Amino acid sequence: MNWVTVHTSNGVTEAEILRNMLESFGIPARVKAEAVGKVLGMTVDGTGRAALLVPADRATEAQDILAEHFTAEA
């Protein structure tokens, strides 16, 4: 299965919440993050960022759900 990134978060917590949301809509999802981000619990110069991935054939649907149900704060 080909996985693609549909969202990048500043931390694992946000990405995990979004993963759960997508899964509640029936879309398989994964979070990819460096281990150091989990240890630090924050982002420093890009370290600690987390990517939310879904199967390529569900990416458009996932992006639509994220756009409708999630607003990233500045």
PDB file of N, CA and C in Angstrom:
ATOM      1  N   MET A   1       0.846  -1.172   0.000  1.00  0.00           N
ATOM      2  CA  MET A   1       0.000   0.000   0.000  1.00  0.00           C
ATOM      3  C   MET A   1       0.895   1.240   0.000  1.00  0.00           C
ATOM      4  N   ASN A   2       0.554   2.188  -0.834  1.00  0.00           N
ATOM      5  CA  ASN A   2       1.307   3.433  -0.938  1.00  0.00           C
ATOM      6  C   ASN A   2       0.700   4.476   0.005  1.00  0.00           C
ATOM      7  N   TRP A   3       1.465   4.926   0.998  1.00  0.00           N
ATOM      8  CA  TRP A   3       1.003   5.903   1.981  1.00  0.00           C
ATOM      9  C   TRP A   3       1.516   7.285   1.594  1.00  0.00           C
ATOM     10  N   VAL A   4       0.668   8.311   1.763  1.00  0.00           N
ATOM     11  CA  VAL A   4       1.049   9.683   1.460  1.00  0.00           C
ATOM     12  C   VAL A   4       0.730  10.583   2.650  1.00  0.00           C
ATOM     13  N   THR A   5       1.465  11.674   2.775  1.00  0.00           N
ATOM     14  CA  THR A   5       1.257  12.633   3.858  1.00  0.00           C
ATOM     15  C   THR A   5       0.106  13.569   3.514  1.00  0.00           C
ATOM     16  N   VAL A   6      -0.850  13.697   4.431  1.00  0.00           N
ATOM     17  CA  VAL A   6      -1.973  14.613   4.230  1.00  0.00           C
ATOM     18  C   VAL A   6      -1.927  15.788   5.202  1.00  0.00           C
ATOM     19  N   HIS A   7      -1.058  15.704   6.217  1.00  0.00           N
ATOM     20  CA  HIS A   7      -0.954  16.793   7.187  1.00  0.00           C
ATOM     21  C   HIS A   7       0.363  16.646   7.942  1.00  0.00           C
ATOM     22  N   THR A   8       0.959  17.769   8.289  1.00  0.00           N
ATOM     23  CA  THR A   8       2.158  17.769   9.128  1.00  0.00           C
ATOM     24  C   THR A   8       1.861  18.601  10.367  1.00  0.00           C
ATOM     25  N   SER A   9       2.128  18.025  11.525  1.00  0.00           N
ATOM     26  CA  SER A   9       1.856  18.677  12.809  1.00  0.00           C
ATOM     27  C   SER A   9       3.155  19.072  13.487  1.00  0.00           C
ATOM     28  N   ASN A  10       3.041  19.978  14.440  1.00  0.00           N
ATOM     29  CA  ASN A  10       4.204  20.376  15.230  1.00  0.00           C
ATOM     30  C   ASN A  10       4.481  19.415  16.376  1.00  0.00           C
ATOM     31  N   GLY A  11       3.734  18.362  16.466  1.00  0.00           N
ATOM     32  CA  GLY A  11       3.966  17.378  17.514  1.00  0.00           C
ATOM     33  C   GLY A  11       3.133  16.129  17.291  1.00  0.00           C
ATOM     34  N   VAL A  12       3.495  15.094  17.983  1.00  0.00           N
ATOM     35  CA  VAL A  12       2.847  13.797  17.839  1.00  0.00           C
ATOM     36  C   VAL A  12       1.411  13.825  18.369  1.00  0.00           C
ATOM     37  N   THR A  13       1.158  14.576  19.420  1.00  0.00           N
ATOM     38  CA  THR A  13      -0.176  14.580  20.033  1.00  0.00           C
ATOM     39  C   THR A  13      -1.241  15.008  19.037  1.00  0.00           C
ATOM     40  N   GLU A  14      -1.029  16.125  18.360  1.00  0.00           N
ATOM     41  CA  GLU A  14      -2.000  16.590  17.366  1.00  0.00           C
ATOM     42  C   GLU A  14      -2.173  15.559  16.259  1.00  0.00           C
ATOM     43  N   ALA A  15      -1.076  15.009  15.780  1.00  0.00           N
ATOM     44  CA  ALA A  15      -1.140  14.018  14.704  1.00  0.00           C
ATOM     45  C   ALA A  15      -1.920  12.777  15.138  1.00  0.00           C
ATOM     46  N   GLU A  16      -1.746  12.334  16.377  1.00  0.00           N
ATOM     47  CA  GLU A  16      -2.470  11.164  16.877  1.00  0.00           C
ATOM     48  C   GLU A  16      -3.966  11.448  16.987  1.00  0.00           C
ATOM     49  N   ILE A  17      -4.319  12.662  17.416  1.00  0.00           N
ATOM     50  CA  ILE A  17      -5.731  13.036  17.499  1.00  0.00           C
ATOM     51  C   ILE A  17      -6.348  13.009  16.096  1.00  0.00           C
ATOM     52  N   LEU A  18      -5.645  13.554  15.126  1.00  0.00           N
ATOM     53  CA  LEU A  18      -6.153  13.566  13.751  1.00  0.00           C
ATOM     54  C   LEU A  18      -6.219  12.159  13.173  1.00  0.00           C
ATOM     55  N   ARG A  19      -5.246  11.323  13.528  1.00  0.00           N
ATOM     56  CA  ARG A  19      -5.275   9.919  13.079  1.00  0.00           C
ATOM     57  C   ARG A  19      -6.544   9.246  13.587  1.00  0.00           C
ATOM     58  N   ASN A  20      -6.843   9.451  14.868  1.00  0.00           N
ATOM     59  CA  ASN A  20      -8.050   8.859  15.443  1.00  0.00           C
ATOM     60  C   ASN A  20      -9.304   9.376  14.748  1.00  0.00           C
ATOM     61  N   MET A  21      -9.322  10.659  14.428  1.00  0.00           N
ATOM     62  CA  MET A  21     -10.477  11.235  13.750  1.00  0.00           C
ATOM     63  C   MET A  21     -10.666  10.585  12.374  1.00  0.00           C
ATOM     64  N   LEU A  22      -9.585  10.484  11.602  1.00  0.00           N
ATOM     65  CA  LEU A  22      -9.704   9.869  10.276  1.00  0.00           C
ATOM     66  C   LEU A  22     -10.146   8.417  10.385  1.00  0.00           C
ATOM     67  N   GLU A  23      -9.612   7.702  11.362  1.00  0.00           N
ATOM     68  CA  GLU A  23     -10.003   6.304  11.539  1.00  0.00           C
ATOM     69  C   GLU A  23     -11.475   6.189  11.917  1.00  0.00           C
ATOM     70  N   SER A  24     -12.005   7.189  12.635  1.00  0.00           N
ATOM     71  CA  SER A  24     -13.434   7.159  12.971  1.00  0.00           C
ATOM     72  C   SER A  24     -14.301   7.321  11.723  1.00  0.00           C
ATOM     73  N   PHE A  25     -13.735   7.887  10.659  1.00  0.00           N
ATOM     74  CA  PHE A  25     -14.416   7.998   9.372  1.00  0.00           C
ATOM     75  C   PHE A  25     -14.110   6.800   8.464  1.00  0.00           C
ATOM     76  N   GLY A  26     -13.391   5.810   8.988  1.00  0.00           N
ATOM     77  CA  GLY A  26     -13.089   4.606   8.227  1.00  0.00           C
ATOM     78  C   GLY A  26     -11.861   4.708   7.339  1.00  0.00           C
ATOM     79  N   ILE A  27     -11.029   5.723   7.555  1.00  0.00           N
ATOM     80  CA  ILE A  27      -9.816   5.890   6.749  1.00  0.00           C
ATOM     81  C   ILE A  27      -8.615   5.410   7.558  1.00  0.00           C
ATOM     82  N   PRO A  28      -7.900   4.414   7.065  1.00  0.00           N
ATOM     83  CA  PRO A  28      -6.692   3.968   7.764  1.00  0.00           C
ATOM     84  C   PRO A  28      -5.683   5.118   7.795  1.00  0.00           C
ATOM     85  N   ALA A  29      -4.991   5.281   8.909  1.00  0.00           N
ATOM     86  CA  ALA A  29      -4.022   6.365   9.028  1.00  0.00           C
ATOM     87  C   ALA A  29      -2.867   5.938   9.916  1.00  0.00           C
ATOM     88  N   ARG A  30      -1.721   6.584   9.685  1.00  0.00           N
ATOM     89  CA  ARG A  30      -0.507   6.336  10.470  1.00  0.00           C
ATOM     90  C   ARG A  30       0.115   7.673  10.833  1.00  0.00           C
ATOM     91  N   VAL A  31       0.864   7.677  11.907  1.00  0.00           N
ATOM     92  CA  VAL A  31       1.650   8.849  12.268  1.00  0.00           C
ATOM     93  C   VAL A  31       3.115   8.471  12.160  1.00  0.00           C
ATOM     94  N   LYS A  32       3.865   9.314  11.455  1.00  0.00           N
ATOM     95  CA  LYS A  32       5.299   9.093  11.305  1.00  0.00           C
ATOM     96  C   LYS A  32       6.013  10.259  11.977  1.00  0.00           C
ATOM     97  N   ALA A  33       6.854   9.946  12.956  1.00  0.00           N
ATOM     98  CA  ALA A  33       7.583  10.990  13.682  1.00  0.00           C
ATOM     99  C   ALA A  33       8.930  10.443  14.143  1.00  0.00           C
ATOM    100  N   GLU A  34       9.880  11.356  14.264  1.00  0.00           N
ATOM    101  CA  GLU A  34      11.177  10.977  14.795  1.00  0.00           C
ATOM    102  C   GLU A  34      11.049  10.725  16.293  1.00  0.00           C
ATOM    103  N   ALA A  35      11.814   9.788  16.806  1.00  0.00           N
ATOM    104  CA  ALA A  35      11.754   9.460  18.230  1.00  0.00           C
ATOM    105  C   ALA A  35      12.096  10.659  19.100  1.00  0.00           C
ATOM    106  N   VAL A  36      12.985  11.511  18.650  1.00  0.00           N
ATOM    107  CA  VAL A  36      13.397  12.657  19.468  1.00  0.00           C
ATOM    108  C   VAL A  36      12.221  13.602  19.712  1.00  0.00           C
ATOM    109  N   GLY A  37      11.301  13.701  18.779  1.00  0.00           N
ATOM    110  CA  GLY A  37      10.129  14.546  18.972  1.00  0.00           C
ATOM    111  C   GLY A  37       9.245  14.047  20.086  1.00  0.00           C
ATOM    112  N   LYS A  38       9.138  12.730  20.201  1.00  0.00           N
ATOM    113  CA  LYS A  38       8.346  12.148  21.286  1.00  0.00           C
ATOM    114  C   LYS A  38       9.009  12.402  22.636  1.00  0.00           C
ATOM    115  N   VAL A  39      10.331  12.380  22.657  1.00  0.00           N
ATOM    116  CA  VAL A  39      11.068  12.598  23.899  1.00  0.00           C
ATOM    117  C   VAL A  39      10.997  14.072  24.308  1.00  0.00           C
ATOM    118  N   LEU A  40      11.228  14.964  23.349  1.00  0.00           N
ATOM    119  CA  LEU A  40      11.222  16.395  23.654  1.00  0.00           C
ATOM    120  C   LEU A  40       9.815  16.922  23.904  1.00  0.00           C
ATOM    121  N   GLY A  41       8.849  16.389  23.185  1.00  0.00           N
ATOM    122  CA  GLY A  41       7.484  16.866  23.316  1.00  0.00           C
ATOM    123  C   GLY A  41       7.262  18.232  22.696  1.00  0.00           C
ATOM    124  N   MET A  42       8.185  18.653  21.852  1.00  0.00           N
ATOM    125  CA  MET A  42       8.062  19.947  21.189  1.00  0.00           C
ATOM    126  C   MET A  42       8.843  19.922  19.888  1.00  0.00           C
ATOM    127  N   THR A  43       8.685  20.974  19.108  1.00  0.00           N
ATOM    128  CA  THR A  43       9.390  21.089  17.846  1.00  0.00           C
ATOM    129  C   THR A  43      10.495  22.123  17.978  1.00  0.00           C
ATOM    130  N   VAL A  44      11.704  21.747  17.573  1.00  0.00           N
ATOM    131  CA  VAL A  44      12.836  22.655  17.567  1.00  0.00           C
ATOM    132  C   VAL A  44      13.480  22.557  16.189  1.00  0.00           C
ATOM    133  N   ASP A  45      13.415  23.643  15.429  1.00  0.00           N
ATOM    134  CA  ASP A  45      13.973  23.672  14.078  1.00  0.00           C
ATOM    135  C   ASP A  45      13.489  22.499  13.224  1.00  0.00           C
ATOM    136  N   GLY A  46      12.225  22.155  13.343  1.00  0.00           N
ATOM    137  CA  GLY A  46      11.648  21.080  12.548  1.00  0.00           C
ATOM    138  C   GLY A  46      11.740  19.713  13.188  1.00  0.00           C
ATOM    139  N   THR A  47      12.629  19.548  14.155  1.00  0.00           N
ATOM    140  CA  THR A  47      12.726  18.275  14.863  1.00  0.00           C
ATOM    141  C   THR A  47      11.512  18.145  15.768  1.00  0.00           C
ATOM    142  N   GLY A  48      10.845  17.040  15.696  1.00  0.00           N
ATOM    143  CA  GLY A  48       9.658  16.824  16.505  1.00  0.00           C
ATOM    144  C   GLY A  48       8.370  16.919  15.705  1.00  0.00           C
ATOM    145  N   ARG A  49       8.483  17.275  14.436  1.00  0.00           N
ATOM    146  CA  ARG A  49       7.294  17.335  13.590  1.00  0.00           C
ATOM    147  C   ARG A  49       6.799  15.912  13.329  1.00  0.00           C
ATOM    148  N   ALA A  50       5.507  15.801  13.118  1.00  0.00           N
ATOM    149  CA  ALA A  50       4.896  14.493  12.875  1.00  0.00           C
ATOM    150  C   ALA A  50       4.064  14.571  11.600  1.00  0.00           C
ATOM    151  N   ALA A  51       4.163  13.555  10.779  1.00  0.00           N
ATOM    152  CA  ALA A  51       3.401  13.485   9.538  1.00  0.00           C
ATOM    153  C   ALA A  51       2.237  12.520   9.702  1.00  0.00           C
ATOM    154  N   LEU A  52       1.084  12.917   9.202  1.00  0.00           N
ATOM    155  CA  LEU A  52      -0.104  12.077   9.197  1.00  0.00           C
ATOM    156  C   LEU A  52      -0.227  11.478   7.800  1.00  0.00           C
ATOM    157  N   LEU A  53      -0.195  10.162   7.722  1.00  0.00           N
ATOM    158  CA  LEU A  53      -0.217   9.472   6.435  1.00  0.00           C
ATOM    159  C   LEU A  53      -1.479   8.642   6.277  1.00  0.00           C
ATOM    160  N   VAL A  54      -1.958   8.562   5.038  1.00  0.00           N
ATOM    161  CA  VAL A  54      -3.112   7.728   4.687  1.00  0.00           C
ATOM    162  C   VAL A  54      -2.788   7.031   3.366  1.00  0.00           C
ATOM    163  N   PRO A  55      -3.525   5.968   3.035  1.00  0.00           N
ATOM    164  CA  PRO A  55      -3.325   5.341   1.730  1.00  0.00           C
ATOM    165  C   PRO A  55      -3.572   6.361   0.613  1.00  0.00           C
ATOM    166  N   ALA A  56      -2.765   6.307  -0.426  1.00  0.00           N
ATOM    167  CA  ALA A  56      -2.840   7.280  -1.517  1.00  0.00           C
ATOM    168  C   ALA A  56      -4.241   7.376  -2.111  1.00  0.00           C
ATOM    169  N   ASP A  57      -4.944   6.250  -2.209  1.00  0.00           N
ATOM    170  CA  ASP A  57      -6.274   6.266  -2.820  1.00  0.00           C
ATOM    171  C   ASP A  57      -7.345   6.866  -1.908  1.00  0.00           C
ATOM    172  N   ARG A  58      -6.988   7.202  -0.657  1.00  0.00           N
ATOM    173  CA  ARG A  58      -7.933   7.835   0.283  1.00  0.00           C
ATOM    174  C   ARG A  58      -7.497   9.252   0.647  1.00  0.00           C
ATOM    175  N   ALA A  59      -6.423   9.748   0.021  1.00  0.00           N
ATOM    176  CA  ALA A  59      -5.853  11.042   0.390  1.00  0.00           C
ATOM    177  C   ALA A  59      -6.830  12.193   0.190  1.00  0.00           C
ATOM    178  N   THR A  60      -7.515  12.239  -0.925  1.00  0.00           N
ATOM    179  CA  THR A  60      -8.452  13.331  -1.184  1.00  0.00           C
ATOM    180  C   THR A  60      -9.571  13.336  -0.155  1.00  0.00           C
ATOM    181  N   GLU A  61     -10.106  12.174   0.125  1.00  0.00           N
ATOM    182  CA  GLU A  61     -11.172  12.053   1.125  1.00  0.00           C
ATOM    183  C   GLU A  61     -10.672  12.511   2.500  1.00  0.00           C
ATOM    184  N   ALA A  62      -9.462  12.101   2.864  1.00  0.00           N
ATOM    185  CA  ALA A  62      -8.882  12.483   4.152  1.00  0.00           C
ATOM    186  C   ALA A  62      -8.670  13.994   4.223  1.00  0.00           C
ATOM    187  N   GLN A  63      -8.175  14.581   3.156  1.00  0.00           N
ATOM    188  CA  GLN A  63      -7.953  16.030   3.137  1.00  0.00           C
ATOM    189  C   GLN A  63      -9.270  16.785   3.253  1.00  0.00           C
ATOM    190  N   ASP A  64     -10.313  16.280   2.619  1.00  0.00           N
ATOM    191  CA  ASP A  64     -11.631  16.905   2.728  1.00  0.00           C
ATOM    192  C   ASP A  64     -12.143  16.858   4.174  1.00  0.00           C
ATOM    193  N   ILE A  65     -11.962  15.724   4.833  1.00  0.00           N
ATOM    194  CA  ILE A  65     -12.399  15.574   6.225  1.00  0.00           C
ATOM    195  C   ILE A  65     -11.606  16.516   7.122  1.00  0.00           C
ATOM    196  N   LEU A  66     -10.301  16.564   6.920  1.00  0.00           N
ATOM    197  CA  LEU A  66      -9.474  17.461   7.729  1.00  0.00           C
ATOM    198  C   LEU A  66      -9.878  18.926   7.512  1.00  0.00           C
ATOM    199  N   ALA A  67     -10.152  19.291   6.285  1.00  0.00           N
ATOM    200  CA  ALA A  67     -10.541  20.668   5.983  1.00  0.00           C
ATOM    201  C   ALA A  67     -11.878  21.019   6.644  1.00  0.00           C
ATOM    202  N   GLU A  68     -12.767  20.064   6.716  1.00  0.00           N
ATOM    203  CA  GLU A  68     -14.086  20.308   7.280  1.00  0.00           C
ATOM    204  C   GLU A  68     -14.108  20.296   8.808  1.00  0.00           C
ATOM    205  N   HIS A  69     -13.265  19.443   9.411  1.00  0.00           N
ATOM    206  CA  HIS A  69     -13.352  19.222  10.857  1.00  0.00           C
ATOM    207  C   HIS A  69     -12.162  19.707  11.670  1.00  0.00           C
ATOM    208  N   PHE A  70     -11.140  20.244  11.014  1.00  0.00           N
ATOM    209  CA  PHE A  70      -9.939  20.652  11.739  1.00  0.00           C
ATOM    210  C   PHE A  70      -9.434  21.981  11.227  1.00  0.00           C
ATOM    211  N   THR A  71      -9.164  22.879  12.162  1.00  0.00           N
ATOM    212  CA  THR A  71      -8.568  24.173  11.827  1.00  0.00           C
ATOM    213  C   THR A  71      -7.298  24.307  12.646  1.00  0.00           C
ATOM    214  N   ALA A  72      -6.176  24.415  11.957  1.00  0.00           N
ATOM    215  CA  ALA A  72      -4.904  24.584  12.661  1.00  0.00           C
ATOM    216  C   ALA A  72      -4.811  25.987  13.218  1.00  0.00           C
ATOM    217  N   GLU A  73      -4.412  26.087  14.470  1.00  0.00           N
ATOM    218  CA  GLU A  73      -4.241  27.400  15.091  1.00  0.00           C
ATOM    219  C   GLU A  73      -2.897  27.960  14.715  1.00  0.00           C
ATOM    220  N   ALA A  74      -2.815  29.260  14.576  1.00  0.00           N
ATOM    221  CA  ALA A  74      -1.573  29.919  14.188  1.00  0.00           C
ATOM    222  C   ALA A  74      -0.568  29.909  15.318  1.00  0.00           C
TER     223      ALA A  74
END
